[in-house]
């Protein structure tokens, strides 16, 4: 709750950053998000040690871990001063999803668990959720790209005075985050046969989360191929990155609830 409160303060401060047209270094916003990340990390660690496993076994835990991956990726990108403004594009989503995650119904008492092999399931979940974190920052970079492009077209002085990166550099960030997320997602899905023992009366082939993960993988594969093979760039590429992540964000929760394996 303290972490989410910190994200809320960051979101409010982001309004000030937007009104100032990104003309100042966003150290305050970065610091607020890092305070939230520190609190978030402590909360996950306490829960993980108390349950003696990686805390990714229900919708609350998966959501909390997903938010944590977004902030971890941002923590590294924010080291570079011109990339700190990604926080202004990220904090509203982090705060909104964080409030959603605090709903008590998402954290029911733990029942009987499926049989997993060693720590493979934790590695599988971590890689998958890290890929979502990379996709989320990629979508934030895409919004930043559209903002900078808009300013260049209509308010050239405003764009020059802004401390946002050039649109060429933002597009490279989008590309790298997309490729990193796709690689993590691919590895995370590839180790499923090793990570999960076959539970009785459950078919992986028809499980909603497994099918959804396949759809997400194909969607991002299409985006990667479209970009590198058919030279999808600029606004269309940015909108493709945003719309694909919005699909993931809106459907992640429902497929979890319908899944026998993941719920």
C-alpha atoms as a PDB file:
ATOM      1  CA  UNK A   1       0.000   0.000   0.000  1.00  0.00           C
ATOM      2  CA  UNK A   2       2.868   2.376   0.763  1.00  0.00           C
ATOM      3  CA  UNK A   3       4.446   1.542  -2.592  1.00  0.00           C
ATOM      4  CA  UNK A   4       1.175   2.245  -4.422  1.00  0.00           C
ATOM      5  CA  UNK A   5       0.839   5.517  -2.508  1.00  0.00           C
ATOM      6  CA  UNK A   6       4.317   6.501  -3.708  1.00  0.00           C
ATOM      7  CA  UNK A   7       3.286   5.676  -7.285  1.00  0.00           C
ATOM      8  CA  UNK A   8       0.221   7.883  -6.800  1.00  0.00           C
ATOM      9  CA  UNK A   9       2.361  10.836  -5.719  1.00  0.00           C
ATOM     10  CA  UNK A  10       4.569  10.194  -8.749  1.00  0.00           C
ATOM     11  CA  UNK A  11       1.514  10.264 -11.008  1.00  0.00           C
ATOM     12  CA  UNK A  12       0.450  13.626  -9.572  1.00  0.00           C
ATOM     13  CA  UNK A  13       3.955  15.006 -10.025  1.00  0.00           C
ATOM     14  CA  UNK A  14       3.875  13.763 -13.628  1.00  0.00           C
ATOM     15  CA  UNK A  15       1.097  16.275 -14.298  1.00  0.00           C
ATOM     16  CA  UNK A  16       3.550  19.037 -13.295  1.00  0.00           C
ATOM     17  CA  UNK A  17       6.202  17.527 -15.591  1.00  0.00           C
ATOM     18  CA  UNK A  18       3.771  17.483 -18.514  1.00  0.00           C
ATOM     19  CA  UNK A  19       2.728  21.092 -17.858  1.00  0.00           C
ATOM     20  CA  UNK A  20       6.377  22.128 -17.895  1.00  0.00           C
ATOM     21  CA  UNK A  21       6.717  20.413 -21.306  1.00  0.00           C
ATOM     22  CA  UNK A  22       9.526  18.155 -20.037  1.00  0.00           C
ATOM     23  CA  UNK A  23      11.967  21.059 -19.793  1.00  0.00           C
ATOM     24  CA  UNK A  24      13.577  19.912 -16.528  1.00  0.00           C
ATOM     25  CA  UNK A  25      15.421  16.797 -15.466  1.00  0.00           C
ATOM     26  CA  UNK A  26      12.878  14.410 -13.930  1.00  0.00           C
ATOM     27  CA  UNK A  27      14.927  13.503 -10.843  1.00  0.00           C
ATOM     28  CA  UNK A  28      12.041  14.025  -8.396  1.00  0.00           C
ATOM     29  CA  UNK A  29       9.717  11.692 -10.255  1.00  0.00           C
ATOM     30  CA  UNK A  30      12.489   9.117 -10.612  1.00  0.00           C
ATOM     31  CA  UNK A  31      13.170   9.310  -6.871  1.00  0.00           C
ATOM     32  CA  UNK A  32       9.475   8.858  -6.029  1.00  0.00           C
ATOM     33  CA  UNK A  33       9.261   5.767  -8.207  1.00  0.00           C
ATOM     34  CA  UNK A  34      12.479   4.379  -6.710  1.00  0.00           C
ATOM     35  CA  UNK A  35      11.069   4.858  -3.191  1.00  0.00           C
ATOM     36  CA  UNK A  36       7.991   2.949  -4.320  1.00  0.00           C
ATOM     37  CA  UNK A  37      10.202   0.257  -5.866  1.00  0.00           C
ATOM     38  CA  UNK A  38      12.153  -0.140  -2.605  1.00  0.00           C
ATOM     39  CA  UNK A  39       8.922  -0.547  -0.618  1.00  0.00           C
ATOM     40  CA  UNK A  40       7.540  -2.865  -3.281  1.00  0.00           C
ATOM     41  CA  UNK A  41      10.682  -5.021  -3.148  1.00  0.00           C
ATOM     42  CA  UNK A  42      10.484  -5.320   0.636  1.00  0.00           C
ATOM     43  CA  UNK A  43       6.814  -6.343   0.424  1.00  0.00           C
ATOM     44  CA  UNK A  44       7.517  -9.036  -2.184  1.00  0.00           C
ATOM     45  CA  UNK A  45      10.540 -10.313  -0.244  1.00  0.00           C
ATOM     46  CA  UNK A  46       8.572 -10.557   3.013  1.00  0.00           C
ATOM     47  CA  UNK A  47       5.759 -12.426   1.279  1.00  0.00           C
ATOM     48  CA  UNK A  48       8.154 -14.725  -0.567  1.00  0.00           C
ATOM     49  CA  UNK A  49      10.093 -15.672   2.563  1.00  0.00           C
ATOM     50  CA  UNK A  50       6.909 -16.174   4.587  1.00  0.00           C
ATOM     51  CA  UNK A  51       5.512 -18.562   1.949  1.00  0.00           C
ATOM     52  CA  UNK A  52       8.949 -20.055   1.117  1.00  0.00           C
ATOM     53  CA  UNK A  53       8.461 -19.621  -2.645  1.00  0.00           C
ATOM     54  CA  UNK A  54       8.442 -17.009  -5.379  1.00  0.00           C
ATOM     55  CA  UNK A  55       5.272 -14.903  -4.804  1.00  0.00           C
ATOM     56  CA  UNK A  56       3.596 -15.417  -8.194  1.00  0.00           C
ATOM     57  CA  UNK A  57       0.923 -18.009  -7.372  1.00  0.00           C
ATOM     58  CA  UNK A  58      -2.314 -16.009  -7.463  1.00  0.00           C
ATOM     59  CA  UNK A  59      -3.627 -12.960  -9.301  1.00  0.00           C
ATOM     60  CA  UNK A  60      -2.579 -10.491  -6.589  1.00  0.00           C
ATOM     61  CA  UNK A  61       0.956 -11.853  -6.479  1.00  0.00           C
ATOM     62  CA  UNK A  62       1.268 -11.999 -10.277  1.00  0.00           C
ATOM     63  CA  UNK A  63       0.012  -8.413 -10.596  1.00  0.00           C
ATOM     64  CA  UNK A  64       2.334  -7.146  -7.859  1.00  0.00           C
ATOM     65  CA  UNK A  65       5.297  -8.937  -9.432  1.00  0.00           C
ATOM     66  CA  UNK A  66       4.351  -7.594 -12.883  1.00  0.00           C
ATOM     67  CA  UNK A  67       4.396  -4.015 -11.547  1.00  0.00           C
ATOM     68  CA  UNK A  68       7.718  -4.698  -9.854  1.00  0.00           C
ATOM     69  CA  UNK A  69       9.277  -5.788 -13.165  1.00  0.00           C
ATOM     70  CA  UNK A  70       8.146  -2.539 -14.826  1.00  0.00           C
ATOM     71  CA  UNK A  71       9.842  -0.482 -12.118  1.00  0.00           C
ATOM     72  CA  UNK A  72      13.011  -2.606 -12.203  1.00  0.00           C
ATOM     73  CA  UNK A  73      13.376  -2.034 -15.952  1.00  0.00           C
ATOM     74  CA  UNK A  74      12.682   1.679 -15.469  1.00  0.00           C
ATOM     75  CA  UNK A  75      15.249   1.875 -12.641  1.00  0.00           C
ATOM     76  CA  UNK A  76      18.004   0.945 -15.111  1.00  0.00           C
ATOM     77  CA  UNK A  77      16.735   3.147 -17.940  1.00  0.00           C
ATOM     78  CA  UNK A  78      16.304   6.093 -15.558  1.00  0.00           C
ATOM     79  CA  UNK A  79      20.041   6.180 -14.898  1.00  0.00           C
ATOM     80  CA  UNK A  80      20.224   8.133 -18.170  1.00  0.00           C
ATOM     81  CA  UNK A  81      18.821  11.601 -17.549  1.00  0.00           C
ATOM     82  CA  UNK A  82      16.916  11.925 -20.836  1.00  0.00           C
ATOM     83  CA  UNK A  83      15.177   8.592 -20.261  1.00  0.00           C
ATOM     84  CA  UNK A  84      13.916   9.518 -16.780  1.00  0.00           C
ATOM     85  CA  UNK A  85      10.862  11.114 -18.359  1.00  0.00           C
ATOM     86  CA  UNK A  86       9.625   7.590 -19.102  1.00  0.00           C
ATOM     87  CA  UNK A  87       8.416   7.732 -15.496  1.00  0.00           C
ATOM     88  CA  UNK A  88       5.866  10.421 -16.393  1.00  0.00           C
ATOM     89  CA  UNK A  89       4.404   8.070 -19.000  1.00  0.00           C
ATOM     90  CA  UNK A  90       4.626   4.979 -16.781  1.00  0.00           C
ATOM     91  CA  UNK A  91       3.427   6.122 -13.350  1.00  0.00           C
ATOM     92  CA  UNK A  92      -0.298   6.501 -14.261  1.00  0.00           C
ATOM     93  CA  UNK A  93      -0.449   2.864 -15.424  1.00  0.00           C
ATOM     94  CA  UNK A  94       1.581   1.614 -12.453  1.00  0.00           C
ATOM     95  CA  UNK A  95      -0.641   3.469  -9.989  1.00  0.00           C
ATOM     96  CA  UNK A  96      -3.916   2.351 -11.618  1.00  0.00           C
ATOM     97  CA  UNK A  97      -2.873  -1.304 -11.768  1.00  0.00           C
ATOM     98  CA  UNK A  98      -1.463  -1.059  -8.226  1.00  0.00           C
ATOM     99  CA  UNK A  99      -4.825   0.132  -6.879  1.00  0.00           C
ATOM    100  CA  UNK A 100      -6.519  -2.711  -8.753  1.00  0.00           C
ATOM    101  CA  UNK A 101      -4.080  -5.227  -7.232  1.00  0.00           C
ATOM    102  CA  UNK A 102      -5.054  -4.145  -3.700  1.00  0.00           C
ATOM    103  CA  UNK A 103      -8.593  -5.513  -4.144  1.00  0.00           C
ATOM    104  CA  UNK A 104      -8.969  -8.171  -1.400  1.00  0.00           C
ATOM    105  CA  UNK A 105     -10.703 -10.620  -3.746  1.00  0.00           C
ATOM    106  CA  UNK A 106      -7.501 -11.013  -5.763  1.00  0.00           C
ATOM    107  CA  UNK A 107      -5.656 -12.540  -2.805  1.00  0.00           C
ATOM    108  CA  UNK A 108      -7.702 -15.499  -1.538  1.00  0.00           C
ATOM    109  CA  UNK A 109      -6.247 -18.090   0.867  1.00  0.00           C
ATOM    110  CA  UNK A 110      -3.916 -20.507  -0.870  1.00  0.00           C
ATOM    111  CA  UNK A 111      -5.383 -23.921  -1.620  1.00  0.00           C
ATOM    112  CA  UNK A 112      -3.718 -27.144  -2.830  1.00  0.00           C
ATOM    113  CA  UNK A 113      -0.926 -26.363  -5.277  1.00  0.00           C
ATOM    114  CA  UNK A 114       0.025 -28.137  -8.491  1.00  0.00           C
ATOM    115  CA  UNK A 115       3.194 -30.198  -8.670  1.00  0.00           C
ATOM    116  CA  UNK A 116       6.140 -28.256 -10.011  1.00  0.00           C
ATOM    117  CA  UNK A 117       9.735 -29.272 -10.673  1.00  0.00           C
ATOM    118  CA  UNK A 118      12.230 -27.519  -8.403  1.00  0.00           C
ATOM    119  CA  UNK A 119      12.630 -23.799  -9.038  1.00  0.00           C
ATOM    120  CA  UNK A 120      11.728 -23.987 -12.719  1.00  0.00           C
ATOM    121  CA  UNK A 121       8.227 -22.605 -12.200  1.00  0.00           C
ATOM    122  CA  UNK A 122       9.646 -19.536 -10.442  1.00  0.00           C
ATOM    123  CA  UNK A 123      12.060 -19.015 -13.342  1.00  0.00           C
ATOM    124  CA  UNK A 124       9.218 -19.464 -15.840  1.00  0.00           C
ATOM    125  CA  UNK A 125       6.994 -16.914 -14.072  1.00  0.00           C
ATOM    126  CA  UNK A 126       9.850 -14.450 -13.558  1.00  0.00           C
ATOM    127  CA  UNK A 127      10.860 -14.496 -17.228  1.00  0.00           C
ATOM    128  CA  UNK A 128       7.274 -14.105 -18.418  1.00  0.00           C
ATOM    129  CA  UNK A 129       6.550 -11.195 -16.066  1.00  0.00           C
ATOM    130  CA  UNK A 130       9.883  -9.526 -16.888  1.00  0.00           C
ATOM    131  CA  UNK A 131       8.892  -9.679 -20.553  1.00  0.00           C
ATOM    132  CA  UNK A 132       5.636  -7.879 -19.697  1.00  0.00           C
ATOM    133  CA  UNK A 133       7.664  -5.244 -17.861  1.00  0.00           C
ATOM    134  CA  UNK A 134       9.792  -4.691 -20.972  1.00  0.00           C
ATOM    135  CA  UNK A 135       6.663  -4.486 -23.138  1.00  0.00           C
ATOM    136  CA  UNK A 136       5.136  -1.947 -20.733  1.00  0.00           C
ATOM    137  CA  UNK A 137       8.203   0.312 -20.916  1.00  0.00           C
ATOM    138  CA  UNK A 138       8.225  -0.149 -24.683  1.00  0.00           C
ATOM    139  CA  UNK A 139       4.634   1.103 -24.810  1.00  0.00           C
ATOM    140  CA  UNK A 140       5.593   4.077 -22.591  1.00  0.00           C
ATOM    141  CA  UNK A 141       8.454   4.854 -24.979  1.00  0.00           C
ATOM    142  CA  UNK A 142       5.989   4.672 -27.875  1.00  0.00           C
ATOM    143  CA  UNK A 143       3.745   7.252 -26.183  1.00  0.00           C
ATOM    144  CA  UNK A 144       6.834   9.404 -25.645  1.00  0.00           C
ATOM    145  CA  UNK A 145       7.649   9.047 -29.351  1.00  0.00           C
ATOM    146  CA  UNK A 146       4.152  10.174 -30.390  1.00  0.00           C
ATOM    147  CA  UNK A 147       4.361  13.128 -27.982  1.00  0.00           C
ATOM    148  CA  UNK A 148       7.724  14.263 -29.326  1.00  0.00           C
ATOM    149  CA  UNK A 149       6.635  13.793 -32.935  1.00  0.00           C
ATOM    150  CA  UNK A 150       3.486  15.840 -32.308  1.00  0.00           C
ATOM    151  CA  UNK A 151       5.513  18.656 -30.757  1.00  0.00           C
ATOM    152  CA  UNK A 152       7.983  18.646 -33.642  1.00  0.00           C
ATOM    153  CA  UNK A 153       5.148  19.037 -36.119  1.00  0.00           C
ATOM    154  CA  UNK A 154       3.169  21.710 -34.300  1.00  0.00           C
ATOM    155  CA  UNK A 155       5.422  23.336 -31.683  1.00  0.00           C
ATOM    156  CA  UNK A 156       9.005  23.213 -32.906  1.00  0.00           C
ATOM    157  CA  UNK A 157      10.379  25.548 -30.190  1.00  0.00           C
ATOM    158  CA  UNK A 158       8.667  23.462 -27.537  1.00  0.00           C
ATOM    159  CA  UNK A 159      10.255  20.289 -28.899  1.00  0.00           C
ATOM    160  CA  UNK A 160      13.711  21.883 -29.004  1.00  0.00           C
ATOM    161  CA  UNK A 161      13.507  23.094 -25.397  1.00  0.00           C
ATOM    162  CA  UNK A 162      12.190  19.738 -24.197  1.00  0.00           C
ATOM    163  CA  UNK A 163      14.638  17.339 -22.540  1.00  0.00           C
ATOM    164  CA  UNK A 164      12.977  14.343 -24.172  1.00  0.00           C
ATOM    165  CA  UNK A 165      15.306  12.257 -26.365  1.00  0.00           C
ATOM    166  CA  UNK A 166      15.213  12.628 -30.131  1.00  0.00           C
ATOM    167  CA  UNK A 167      12.538  10.596 -31.892  1.00  0.00           C
ATOM    168  CA  UNK A 168      15.284   8.474 -33.508  1.00  0.00           C
ATOM    169  CA  UNK A 169      16.659   7.532 -30.102  1.00  0.00           C
ATOM    170  CA  UNK A 170      13.179   6.873 -28.698  1.00  0.00           C
ATOM    171  CA  UNK A 171      12.440   4.525 -31.590  1.00  0.00           C
ATOM    172  CA  UNK A 172      15.659   2.615 -30.885  1.00  0.00           C
ATOM    173  CA  UNK A 173      14.566   2.267 -27.251  1.00  0.00           C
ATOM    174  CA  UNK A 174      11.202   0.913 -28.433  1.00  0.00           C
ATOM    175  CA  UNK A 175      12.977  -1.629 -30.654  1.00  0.00           C
ATOM    176  CA  UNK A 176      15.330  -2.836 -27.932  1.00  0.00           C
ATOM    177  CA  UNK A 177      12.605  -3.143 -25.314  1.00  0.00           C
ATOM    178  CA  UNK A 178      10.403  -5.014 -27.792  1.00  0.00           C
ATOM    179  CA  UNK A 179      13.194  -7.447 -28.687  1.00  0.00           C
ATOM    180  CA  UNK A 180      14.197  -7.923 -25.037  1.00  0.00           C
ATOM    181  CA  UNK A 181      10.598  -8.593 -24.018  1.00  0.00           C
ATOM    182  CA  UNK A 182      10.065 -11.009 -26.909  1.00  0.00           C
ATOM    183  CA  UNK A 183      13.257 -12.928 -26.062  1.00  0.00           C
ATOM    184  CA  UNK A 184      12.256 -13.220 -22.387  1.00  0.00           C
ATOM    185  CA  UNK A 185       8.731 -14.299 -23.336  1.00  0.00           C
ATOM    186  CA  UNK A 186      10.062 -16.931 -25.740  1.00  0.00           C
ATOM    187  CA  UNK A 187      12.448 -18.427 -23.172  1.00  0.00           C
ATOM    188  CA  UNK A 188       9.761 -18.326 -20.469  1.00  0.00           C
ATOM    189  CA  UNK A 189       7.307 -20.223 -22.668  1.00  0.00           C
ATOM    190  CA  UNK A 190       9.972 -22.660 -23.891  1.00  0.00           C
ATOM    191  CA  UNK A 191      10.711 -23.967 -20.381  1.00  0.00           C
ATOM    192  CA  UNK A 192       7.053 -24.794 -19.612  1.00  0.00           C
ATOM    193  CA  UNK A 193       7.521 -28.558 -20.288  1.00  0.00           C
ATOM    194  CA  UNK A 194      10.392 -28.603 -17.757  1.00  0.00           C
ATOM    195  CA  UNK A 195       8.719 -26.322 -15.210  1.00  0.00           C
ATOM    196  CA  UNK A 196       5.305 -27.938 -14.863  1.00  0.00           C
ATOM    197  CA  UNK A 197       4.378 -31.529 -14.115  1.00  0.00           C
ATOM    198  CA  UNK A 198       1.162 -32.689 -15.763  1.00  0.00           C
ATOM    199  CA  UNK A 199      -1.656 -32.301 -13.167  1.00  0.00           C
ATOM    200  CA  UNK A 200      -4.523 -34.729 -13.141  1.00  0.00           C
ATOM    201  CA  UNK A 201      -7.732 -33.742 -14.968  1.00  0.00           C
ATOM    202  CA  UNK A 202      -6.144 -30.608 -16.482  1.00  0.00           C
ATOM    203  CA  UNK A 203      -5.394 -30.193 -20.177  1.00  0.00           C
ATOM    204  CA  UNK A 204      -2.709 -27.636 -20.963  1.00  0.00           C
ATOM    205  CA  UNK A 205      -3.756 -27.592 -24.613  1.00  0.00           C
ATOM    206  CA  UNK A 206      -7.157 -26.136 -23.712  1.00  0.00           C
ATOM    207  CA  UNK A 207      -6.108 -23.957 -20.758  1.00  0.00           C
ATOM    208  CA  UNK A 208      -7.097 -20.323 -21.298  1.00  0.00           C
ATOM    209  CA  UNK A 209      -3.799 -18.885 -20.061  1.00  0.00           C
ATOM    210  CA  UNK A 210      -1.728 -21.200 -22.233  1.00  0.00           C
ATOM    211  CA  UNK A 211      -3.784 -20.353 -25.317  1.00  0.00           C
ATOM    212  CA  UNK A 212      -3.650 -16.635 -24.467  1.00  0.00           C
ATOM    213  CA  UNK A 213       0.138 -16.785 -24.027  1.00  0.00           C
ATOM    214  CA  UNK A 214       0.404 -18.328 -27.481  1.00  0.00           C
ATOM    215  CA  UNK A 215      -1.697 -15.504 -28.936  1.00  0.00           C
ATOM    216  CA  UNK A 216       0.483 -12.877 -27.206  1.00  0.00           C
ATOM    217  CA  UNK A 217       3.661 -14.549 -28.486  1.00  0.00           C
ATOM    218  CA  UNK A 218       2.331 -14.624 -32.053  1.00  0.00           C
ATOM    219  CA  UNK A 219       1.222 -10.962 -31.780  1.00  0.00           C
ATOM    220  CA  UNK A 220       4.681  -9.812 -30.695  1.00  0.00           C
ATOM    221  CA  UNK A 221       6.354 -12.076 -33.258  1.00  0.00           C
ATOM    222  CA  UNK A 222       4.235 -10.403 -35.925  1.00  0.00           C
ATOM    223  CA  UNK A 223       5.248  -6.972 -34.631  1.00  0.00           C
ATOM    224  CA  UNK A 224       8.958  -7.914 -34.666  1.00  0.00           C
ATOM    225  CA  UNK A 225       8.769  -9.396 -38.170  1.00  0.00           C
ATOM    226  CA  UNK A 226       6.680  -6.478 -39.450  1.00  0.00           C
ATOM    227  CA  UNK A 227       9.237  -4.017 -38.095  1.00  0.00           C
ATOM    228  CA  UNK A 228      12.447  -5.707 -39.250  1.00  0.00           C
ATOM    229  CA  UNK A 229      11.275  -7.462 -42.417  1.00  0.00           C
ATOM    230  CA  UNK A 230       8.785  -4.932 -43.760  1.00  0.00           C
ATOM    231  CA  UNK A 231      10.333  -1.808 -42.160  1.00  0.00           C
ATOM    232  CA  UNK A 232       7.408  -0.786 -39.976  1.00  0.00           C
ATOM    233  CA  UNK A 233       8.634   2.476 -38.411  1.00  0.00           C
ATOM    234  CA  UNK A 234       7.459   5.801 -37.050  1.00  0.00           C
ATOM    235  CA  UNK A 235       3.884   6.348 -35.932  1.00  0.00           C
ATOM    236  CA  UNK A 236       2.621   2.976 -37.149  1.00  0.00           C
ATOM    237  CA  UNK A 237       5.306   1.136 -35.206  1.00  0.00           C
ATOM    238  CA  UNK A 238       4.570   3.189 -32.074  1.00  0.00           C
ATOM    239  CA  UNK A 239       0.840   2.510 -32.328  1.00  0.00           C
ATOM    240  CA  UNK A 240       1.539  -1.186 -32.898  1.00  0.00           C
ATOM    241  CA  UNK A 241       3.632  -1.382 -29.707  1.00  0.00           C
ATOM    242  CA  UNK A 242       0.982   0.510 -27.716  1.00  0.00           C
ATOM    243  CA  UNK A 243      -2.034  -1.432 -28.981  1.00  0.00           C
ATOM    244  CA  UNK A 244      -0.375  -4.824 -28.451  1.00  0.00           C
ATOM    245  CA  UNK A 245       0.498  -3.982 -24.854  1.00  0.00           C
ATOM    246  CA  UNK A 246      -3.000  -2.590 -24.201  1.00  0.00           C
ATOM    247  CA  UNK A 247      -4.366  -5.954 -25.358  1.00  0.00           C
ATOM    248  CA  UNK A 248      -2.049  -7.725 -22.888  1.00  0.00           C
ATOM    249  CA  UNK A 249      -2.995  -5.353 -20.075  1.00  0.00           C
ATOM    250  CA  UNK A 250      -6.752  -5.725 -20.589  1.00  0.00           C
ATOM    251  CA  UNK A 251      -6.832  -9.514 -21.017  1.00  0.00           C
ATOM    252  CA  UNK A 252      -4.166 -10.675 -18.534  1.00  0.00           C
ATOM    253  CA  UNK A 253      -6.539 -10.759 -15.551  1.00  0.00           C
ATOM    254  CA  UNK A 254      -9.475 -12.522 -17.225  1.00  0.00           C
ATOM    255  CA  UNK A 255      -7.397 -15.348 -18.661  1.00  0.00           C
ATOM    256  CA  UNK A 256      -5.820 -15.884 -15.234  1.00  0.00           C
ATOM    257  CA  UNK A 257      -9.225 -16.206 -13.594  1.00  0.00           C
ATOM    258  CA  UNK A 258     -10.462 -18.673 -16.213  1.00  0.00           C
ATOM    259  CA  UNK A 259      -7.291 -20.818 -16.073  1.00  0.00           C
ATOM    260  CA  UNK A 260      -7.262 -24.026 -14.033  1.00  0.00           C
ATOM    261  CA  UNK A 261      -3.480 -24.013 -14.009  1.00  0.00           C
ATOM    262  CA  UNK A 262      -2.806 -20.344 -13.181  1.00  0.00           C
ATOM    263  CA  UNK A 263      -5.781 -19.426 -10.968  1.00  0.00           C
END
